[in-house]
C-alpha atoms as a PDB file:
ATOM      1  CA  MET A   1      12.921 -55.208 -12.672  1.00  0.00           C
ATOM      2  CA  ASP A   2      16.701 -55.533 -12.920  1.00  0.00           C
ATOM      3  CA  PHE A   3      17.953 -57.451  -9.871  1.00  0.00           C
ATOM      4  CA  PHE A   4      21.507 -57.527 -11.175  1.00  0.00           C
ATOM      5  CA  HIS A   5      21.876 -53.753 -11.457  1.00  0.00           C
ATOM      6  CA  LYS A   6      25.320 -52.766 -10.239  1.00  0.00           C
ATOM      7  CA  LYS A   7      24.890 -49.653  -8.148  1.00  0.00           C
ATOM      8  CA  TYR A   8      28.265 -49.336  -6.369  1.00  0.00           C
ATOM      9  CA  THR A   9      30.752 -47.449  -8.544  1.00  0.00           C
ATOM     10  CA  CYS A  10      34.495 -46.946  -8.123  1.00  0.00           C
ATOM     11  CA  GLU A  11      35.129 -43.191  -8.046  1.00  0.00           C
ATOM     12  CA  ILE A  12      38.572 -43.650  -9.613  1.00  0.00           C
ATOM     13  CA  GLU A  13      37.930 -46.027 -12.534  1.00  0.00           C
ATOM     14  CA  GLY A  14      34.166 -45.947 -12.873  1.00  0.00           C
ATOM     15  CA  GLU A  15      33.950 -49.735 -12.565  1.00  0.00           C
ATOM     16  CA  LYS A  16      30.620 -50.904 -11.123  1.00  0.00           C
ATOM     17  CA  PHE A  17      30.007 -53.519  -8.448  1.00  0.00           C
ATOM     18  CA  ALA A  18      26.953 -55.438  -7.302  1.00  0.00           C
ATOM     19  CA  SER A  19      27.633 -55.020  -3.582  1.00  0.00           C
ATOM     20  CA  GLU A  20      29.309 -52.629  -1.214  1.00  0.00           C
ATOM     21  CA  VAL A  21      31.578 -55.447  -0.017  1.00  0.00           C
ATOM     22  CA  ASP A  22      32.846 -55.981  -3.581  1.00  0.00           C
ATOM     23  CA  LEU A  23      33.529 -52.250  -3.944  1.00  0.00           C
ATOM     24  CA  MET A  24      35.476 -52.168  -0.646  1.00  0.00           C
ATOM     25  CA  THR A  25      37.512 -55.204  -1.717  1.00  0.00           C
ATOM     26  CA  HIS A  26      38.287 -53.451  -5.012  1.00  0.00           C
ATOM     27  CA  TYR A  27      39.442 -50.256  -3.263  1.00  0.00           C
ATOM     28  CA  ARG A  28      41.541 -52.244  -0.825  1.00  0.00           C
ATOM     29  CA  SER A  29      43.264 -54.479  -3.394  1.00  0.00           C
ATOM     30  CA  VAL A  30      43.504 -52.343  -6.557  1.00  0.00           C
ATOM     31  CA  HIS A  31      43.867 -48.818  -5.204  1.00  0.00           C
ATOM     32  CA  HIS A  32      45.403 -49.699  -1.813  1.00  0.00           C
ATOM     33  CA  LYS A  33      42.991 -47.271  -0.171  1.00  0.00           C
ATOM     34  CA  LEU A  34      42.565 -47.149   3.572  1.00  0.00           C
ATOM     35  CA  ILE A  35      39.102 -48.398   4.451  1.00  0.00           C
ATOM     36  CA  LEU A  36      37.596 -46.713   7.523  1.00  0.00           C
ATOM     37  CA  LYS A  37      35.499 -48.752   9.940  1.00  0.00           C
ATOM     38  CA  CYS A  38      32.770 -47.719  12.332  1.00  0.00           C
ATOM     39  CA  HIS A  39      34.043 -48.511  15.837  1.00  0.00           C
ATOM     40  CA  LYS A  40      30.564 -49.439  17.009  1.00  0.00           C
ATOM     41  CA  CYS A  41      29.230 -51.764  14.284  1.00  0.00           C
ATOM     42  CA  GLY A  42      32.205 -52.411  11.972  1.00  0.00           C
ATOM     43  CA  LYS A  43      30.606 -51.020   8.800  1.00  0.00           C
ATOM     44  CA  GLU A  44      33.261 -49.936   6.298  1.00  0.00           C
ATOM     45  CA  PHE A  45      33.592 -46.592   4.509  1.00  0.00           C
ATOM     46  CA  ILE A  46      35.880 -45.099   1.878  1.00  0.00           C
ATOM     47  CA  HIS A  47      35.532 -41.500   3.086  1.00  0.00           C
ATOM     48  CA  GLU A  48      35.731 -40.142   6.634  1.00  0.00           C
ATOM     49  CA  LYS A  49      32.745 -37.856   5.981  1.00  0.00           C
ATOM     50  CA  ASP A  50      30.607 -40.916   5.222  1.00  0.00           C
ATOM     51  CA  ARG A  51      31.731 -42.655   8.408  1.00  0.00           C
ATOM     52  CA  LEU A  52      30.966 -39.567  10.487  1.00  0.00           C
ATOM     53  CA  HIS A  53      27.544 -39.212   8.881  1.00  0.00           C
ATOM     54  CA  HIS A  54      26.822 -42.883   9.644  1.00  0.00           C
ATOM     55  CA  VAL A  55      27.832 -42.477  13.297  1.00  0.00           C
ATOM     56  CA  ARG A  56      25.721 -39.332  13.675  1.00  0.00           C
ATOM     57  CA  GLU A  57      22.652 -40.773  11.986  1.00  0.00           C
ATOM     58  CA  GLU A  58      22.687 -44.363  13.226  1.00  0.00           C
ATOM     59  CA  HIS A  59      24.384 -44.505  16.595  1.00  0.00           C
ATOM     60  CA  GLU A  60      23.313 -41.143  18.024  1.00  0.00           C
ATOM     61  CA  LYS A  61      19.693 -42.114  17.333  1.00  0.00           C
ATOM     62  CA  GLU A  62      20.252 -45.256  19.410  1.00  0.00           C
ATOM     63  CA  MET A  63      21.758 -43.249  22.260  1.00  0.00           C
ATOM     64  CA  ASP A  64      18.972 -40.657  22.062  1.00  0.00           C
ATOM     65  CA  ALA A  65      16.337 -43.398  22.252  1.00  0.00           C
ATOM     66  CA  ARG A  66      18.020 -44.838  25.340  1.00  0.00           C
ATOM     67  CA  VAL A  67      18.083 -41.465  27.083  1.00  0.00           C
ATOM     68  CA  HIS A  68      14.397 -40.808  26.408  1.00  0.00           C
ATOM     69  CA  LYS A  69      13.444 -44.334  27.383  1.00  0.00           C
ATOM     70  CA  SER A  70      14.570 -43.700  30.964  1.00  0.00           C
ATOM     71  CA  GLU A  71      12.461 -40.522  31.128  1.00  0.00           C
ATOM     72  CA  HIS A  72       9.236 -42.467  30.619  1.00  0.00           C
ATOM     73  CA  LYS A  73       9.696 -45.199  33.162  1.00  0.00           C
ATOM     74  CA  SER A  74       6.755 -46.128  35.293  1.00  0.00           C
ATOM     75  CA  LYS A  75       6.908 -44.828  38.838  1.00  0.00           C
ATOM     76  CA  ALA A  76       5.663 -48.133  40.233  1.00  0.00           C
ATOM     77  CA  SER A  77       8.511 -50.446  41.102  1.00  0.00           C
ATOM     78  CA  ASN A  78       8.372 -54.150  40.442  1.00  0.00           C
ATOM     79  CA  ASN A  79      10.972 -54.857  43.093  1.00  0.00           C
ATOM     80  CA  PRO A  80       9.188 -56.035  46.311  1.00  0.00           C
ATOM     81  CA  GLN A  81      11.902 -54.581  48.557  1.00  0.00           C
ATOM     82  CA  ASP A  82      11.422 -51.140  47.001  1.00  0.00           C
ATOM     83  CA  GLN A  83       7.700 -51.357  47.736  1.00  0.00           C
ATOM     84  CA  VAL A  84       8.388 -52.317  51.370  1.00  0.00           C
ATOM     85  CA  ASP A  85      10.890 -49.482  51.747  1.00  0.00           C
ATOM     86  CA  SER A  86       8.389 -47.052  50.256  1.00  0.00           C
ATOM     87  CA  ASN A  87       5.694 -48.110  52.732  1.00  0.00           C
ATOM     88  CA  MET A  88       8.075 -47.997  55.696  1.00  0.00           C
ATOM     89  CA  ARG A  89       8.845 -44.318  55.033  1.00  0.00           C
ATOM     90  CA  LYS A  90       5.233 -43.527  55.844  1.00  0.00           C
ATOM     91  CA  PHE A  91       5.593 -44.778  59.420  1.00  0.00           C
ATOM     92  CA  GLY A  92       7.428 -42.769  62.024  1.00  0.00           C
ATOM     93  CA  ASP A  93       9.534 -43.982  64.938  1.00  0.00           C
ATOM     94  CA  ASN A  94       7.453 -41.853  67.357  1.00  0.00           C
ATOM     95  CA  LEU A  95       5.424 -44.632  68.950  1.00  0.00           C
END
């Protein structure tokens, strides 16, 4: 197994890099390319389409999971005051 395989390639020169960070540094310093960052996690991208894909795939999944999480909450409340309020609704003021 080749652990030192360089899989990040410069699209302009074809030069290969061992890490994405090295490739971004190369683009920034040699080609003076604007590097786009994800506003949520700070991950860097060379192309806007890649940044948009990242946001759609990674961060919308997180938001979707949060929305569905609230749908499956237990109806029983752990707050004692909520339990008291719930029981008090059963009693009327018609004594």
